[in-house]
Amino acid sequence: MVPAGAQAAVLNGDPSKEGVYTLRLKMPGGYKIAPHSHPTDENVTVISGALGAAMGDKFDTSAGKTSSPADSCACLKG
């Protein structure tokens, strides 16, 4: 489900089926997930560290937003 170096746990739902699901991801500092899209909106809560996220077909760090535990959530559109 995620590239080598990260860990994922499904907390509820089924990511392979239509409908709501919740994942917990653990990623090391500096970890990058290749640009991709989701068919639905996504809510992200950062527990520790920081998460940089952007939309698009290629990495563009200047177009992204960084979220930290102080933020209530990062809401990513499809």
N, C-alpha and C. Protein backbone atom coordinates (compact mmCIF):
# COMPACT_ATOMS: atom_id res chain seq x y z
N MET A 1 0.82 -1.20 0.00
CA MET A 1 0.00 0.00 0.00
C MET A 1 0.87 1.27 0.00
N VAL A 2 1.97 1.26 0.74
CA VAL A 2 2.87 2.41 0.75
C VAL A 2 4.27 1.94 0.36
N PRO A 3 5.09 2.84 -0.21
CA PRO A 3 6.44 2.45 -0.60
C PRO A 3 7.28 2.00 0.60
N ALA A 4 8.34 1.25 0.32
CA ALA A 4 9.25 0.76 1.37
C ALA A 4 9.72 1.91 2.24
N GLY A 5 9.84 1.65 3.53
CA GLY A 5 10.30 2.66 4.47
C GLY A 5 9.19 3.22 5.34
N ALA A 6 7.94 3.02 4.93
CA ALA A 6 6.79 3.49 5.70
C ALA A 6 6.00 2.28 6.20
N GLN A 7 5.17 2.53 7.19
CA GLN A 7 4.28 1.50 7.71
C GLN A 7 2.86 2.02 7.65
N ALA A 8 1.91 1.15 7.36
CA ALA A 8 0.50 1.53 7.31
C ALA A 8 -0.34 0.53 8.08
N ALA A 9 -1.35 1.04 8.78
CA ALA A 9 -2.31 0.18 9.48
C ALA A 9 -3.71 0.70 9.18
N VAL A 10 -4.59 -0.19 8.79
CA VAL A 10 -5.99 0.18 8.55
C VAL A 10 -6.70 0.16 9.90
N LEU A 11 -7.26 1.30 10.31
CA LEU A 11 -7.96 1.38 11.59
C LEU A 11 -9.43 1.03 11.44
N ASN A 12 -10.04 1.43 10.32
CA ASN A 12 -11.41 0.99 10.03
C ASN A 12 -11.69 1.17 8.55
N GLY A 13 -12.69 0.46 8.05
CA GLY A 13 -13.03 0.51 6.64
C GLY A 13 -12.10 -0.36 5.80
N ASP A 14 -12.23 -0.20 4.48
CA ASP A 14 -11.43 -0.98 3.55
C ASP A 14 -10.97 -0.08 2.42
N PRO A 15 -9.67 0.27 2.36
CA PRO A 15 -9.16 1.17 1.32
C PRO A 15 -9.34 0.64 -0.10
N SER A 16 -9.55 -0.65 -0.27
CA SER A 16 -9.71 -1.20 -1.62
C SER A 16 -11.15 -1.13 -2.11
N LYS A 17 -12.05 -0.65 -1.25
CA LYS A 17 -13.47 -0.56 -1.62
C LYS A 17 -13.96 0.87 -1.49
N GLU A 18 -15.06 1.15 -2.14
CA GLU A 18 -15.67 2.47 -2.05
C GLU A 18 -16.18 2.69 -0.63
N GLY A 19 -16.01 3.88 -0.12
CA GLY A 19 -16.48 4.20 1.22
C GLY A 19 -15.37 4.77 2.08
N VAL A 20 -15.76 5.21 3.25
CA VAL A 20 -14.84 5.86 4.18
C VAL A 20 -13.94 4.81 4.85
N TYR A 21 -12.68 5.17 5.04
CA TYR A 21 -11.74 4.32 5.76
C TYR A 21 -10.74 5.21 6.49
N THR A 22 -10.07 4.66 7.46
CA THR A 22 -9.07 5.40 8.23
C THR A 22 -7.78 4.61 8.25
N LEU A 23 -6.68 5.28 7.89
CA LEU A 23 -5.34 4.68 7.92
C LEU A 23 -4.48 5.41 8.93
N ARG A 24 -3.55 4.70 9.51
CA ARG A 24 -2.50 5.34 10.30
C ARG A 24 -1.20 5.03 9.56
N LEU A 25 -0.48 6.09 9.19
CA LEU A 25 0.80 5.95 8.49
C LEU A 25 1.93 6.40 9.39
N LYS A 26 3.02 5.67 9.35
CA LYS A 26 4.24 6.06 10.07
C LYS A 26 5.34 6.14 9.03
N MET A 27 5.92 7.34 8.90
CA MET A 27 6.93 7.57 7.88
C MET A 27 8.16 8.21 8.51
N PRO A 28 9.35 7.82 8.09
CA PRO A 28 10.56 8.45 8.61
C PRO A 28 10.71 9.87 8.08
N GLY A 29 11.49 10.70 8.77
CA GLY A 29 11.75 12.07 8.32
C GLY A 29 12.28 12.10 6.89
N GLY A 30 11.80 13.04 6.10
CA GLY A 30 12.25 13.19 4.72
C GLY A 30 11.61 12.22 3.74
N TYR A 31 10.69 11.39 4.22
CA TYR A 31 10.04 10.38 3.37
C TYR A 31 9.18 11.05 2.31
N LYS A 32 9.19 10.52 1.11
CA LYS A 32 8.38 11.08 0.02
C LYS A 32 7.53 9.98 -0.60
N ILE A 33 6.28 10.31 -0.84
CA ILE A 33 5.38 9.43 -1.58
C ILE A 33 5.21 10.05 -2.96
N ALA A 34 5.37 9.26 -3.99
CA ALA A 34 5.29 9.76 -5.36
C ALA A 34 3.95 10.46 -5.62
N PRO A 35 3.95 11.47 -6.49
CA PRO A 35 2.69 12.14 -6.83
C PRO A 35 1.65 11.11 -7.28
N HIS A 36 0.43 11.29 -6.81
CA HIS A 36 -0.67 10.38 -7.12
C HIS A 36 -1.98 11.10 -6.84
N SER A 37 -3.08 10.46 -7.12
CA SER A 37 -4.38 11.06 -6.84
C SER A 37 -5.28 10.05 -6.13
N HIS A 38 -6.34 10.56 -5.56
CA HIS A 38 -7.34 9.74 -4.89
C HIS A 38 -8.70 10.04 -5.51
N PRO A 39 -9.57 9.06 -5.59
CA PRO A 39 -10.89 9.30 -6.18
C PRO A 39 -11.82 10.10 -5.25
N THR A 40 -11.45 10.25 -3.98
CA THR A 40 -12.27 10.98 -3.02
C THR A 40 -11.39 11.95 -2.23
N ASP A 41 -12.03 12.82 -1.46
CA ASP A 41 -11.29 13.72 -0.59
C ASP A 41 -10.64 12.92 0.53
N GLU A 42 -9.64 13.51 1.15
CA GLU A 42 -8.87 12.84 2.17
C GLU A 42 -8.65 13.80 3.34
N ASN A 43 -8.87 13.34 4.56
CA ASN A 43 -8.59 14.12 5.77
C ASN A 43 -7.36 13.53 6.42
N VAL A 44 -6.40 14.40 6.76
CA VAL A 44 -5.14 13.96 7.33
C VAL A 44 -4.92 14.66 8.67
N THR A 45 -4.57 13.90 9.70
CA THR A 45 -4.20 14.46 10.99
C THR A 45 -2.75 14.08 11.26
N VAL A 46 -1.91 15.06 11.52
CA VAL A 46 -0.51 14.82 11.82
C VAL A 46 -0.36 14.68 13.34
N ILE A 47 0.17 13.54 13.79
CA ILE A 47 0.33 13.30 15.22
C ILE A 47 1.66 13.85 15.71
N SER A 48 2.71 13.67 14.94
CA SER A 48 4.01 14.25 15.29
C SER A 48 4.79 14.52 14.02
N GLY A 49 5.73 15.45 14.10
CA GLY A 49 6.51 15.82 12.91
C GLY A 49 5.73 16.78 12.04
N ALA A 50 5.98 16.74 10.76
CA ALA A 50 5.31 17.63 9.81
C ALA A 50 5.06 16.87 8.51
N LEU A 51 4.01 17.25 7.83
CA LEU A 51 3.65 16.63 6.56
C LEU A 51 3.53 17.72 5.51
N GLY A 52 4.28 17.58 4.44
CA GLY A 52 4.15 18.48 3.30
C GLY A 52 3.34 17.78 2.24
N ALA A 53 2.32 18.46 1.71
CA ALA A 53 1.47 17.85 0.70
C ALA A 53 1.13 18.88 -0.37
N ALA A 54 1.02 18.41 -1.61
CA ALA A 54 0.65 19.27 -2.73
C ALA A 54 -0.11 18.44 -3.75
N MET A 55 -0.78 19.09 -4.64
CA MET A 55 -1.51 18.42 -5.70
C MET A 55 -0.76 18.61 -7.01
N GLY A 56 -0.83 17.62 -7.88
CA GLY A 56 -0.20 17.73 -9.18
C GLY A 56 0.43 16.43 -9.63
N ASP A 57 0.96 16.45 -10.83
CA ASP A 57 1.55 15.26 -11.44
C ASP A 57 3.04 15.09 -11.16
N LYS A 58 3.68 16.11 -10.54
CA LYS A 58 5.11 16.03 -10.25
C LYS A 58 5.39 16.73 -8.92
N PHE A 59 6.55 16.41 -8.33
CA PHE A 59 6.93 17.05 -7.08
C PHE A 59 7.17 18.53 -7.33
N ASP A 60 6.48 19.38 -6.57
CA ASP A 60 6.68 20.82 -6.62
C ASP A 60 6.51 21.33 -5.20
N THR A 61 7.61 21.37 -4.44
CA THR A 61 7.53 21.74 -3.03
C THR A 61 7.01 23.16 -2.82
N SER A 62 7.17 24.03 -3.81
CA SER A 62 6.69 25.40 -3.65
C SER A 62 5.17 25.50 -3.75
N ALA A 63 4.51 24.47 -4.29
CA ALA A 63 3.06 24.50 -4.45
C ALA A 63 2.33 23.82 -3.29
N GLY A 64 3.07 23.34 -2.31
CA GLY A 64 2.46 22.54 -1.25
C GLY A 64 2.12 23.32 -0.01
N LYS A 65 1.59 22.58 0.95
CA LYS A 65 1.24 23.09 2.26
C LYS A 65 1.86 22.15 3.28
N THR A 66 2.40 22.70 4.37
CA THR A 66 2.95 21.88 5.43
C THR A 66 2.00 21.90 6.61
N SER A 67 1.68 20.72 7.13
CA SER A 67 0.81 20.59 8.29
C SER A 67 1.59 19.98 9.44
N SER A 68 1.27 20.39 10.65
CA SER A 68 1.92 19.87 11.86
C SER A 68 0.85 19.49 12.87
N PRO A 69 1.22 18.91 14.00
CA PRO A 69 0.23 18.54 15.00
C PRO A 69 -0.62 19.71 15.49
N ALA A 70 -0.13 20.94 15.37
CA ALA A 70 -0.90 22.11 15.81
C ALA A 70 -2.10 22.38 14.90
N ASP A 71 -2.08 21.85 13.67
CA ASP A 71 -3.20 22.05 12.73
C ASP A 71 -4.28 21.02 13.03
N SER A 72 -5.55 21.41 12.83
CA SER A 72 -6.64 20.46 13.12
C SER A 72 -6.66 19.34 12.09
N CYS A 73 -6.44 19.64 10.82
CA CYS A 73 -6.32 18.61 9.79
C CYS A 73 -5.90 19.26 8.49
N ALA A 74 -5.34 18.46 7.62
CA ALA A 74 -5.03 18.90 6.26
C ALA A 74 -6.05 18.20 5.38
N CYS A 75 -6.89 18.95 4.74
CA CYS A 75 -7.93 18.34 3.90
C CYS A 75 -7.48 18.40 2.46
N LEU A 76 -7.27 17.26 1.86
CA LEU A 76 -6.77 17.16 0.50
C LEU A 76 -7.91 16.77 -0.42
N LYS A 77 -8.08 17.49 -1.49
CA LYS A 77 -9.13 17.21 -2.45
C LYS A 77 -8.64 16.24 -3.50
N GLY A 78 -9.41 15.11 -3.67
CA GLY A 78 -9.15 14.09 -4.69
C GLY A 78 -7.84 14.23 -5.30
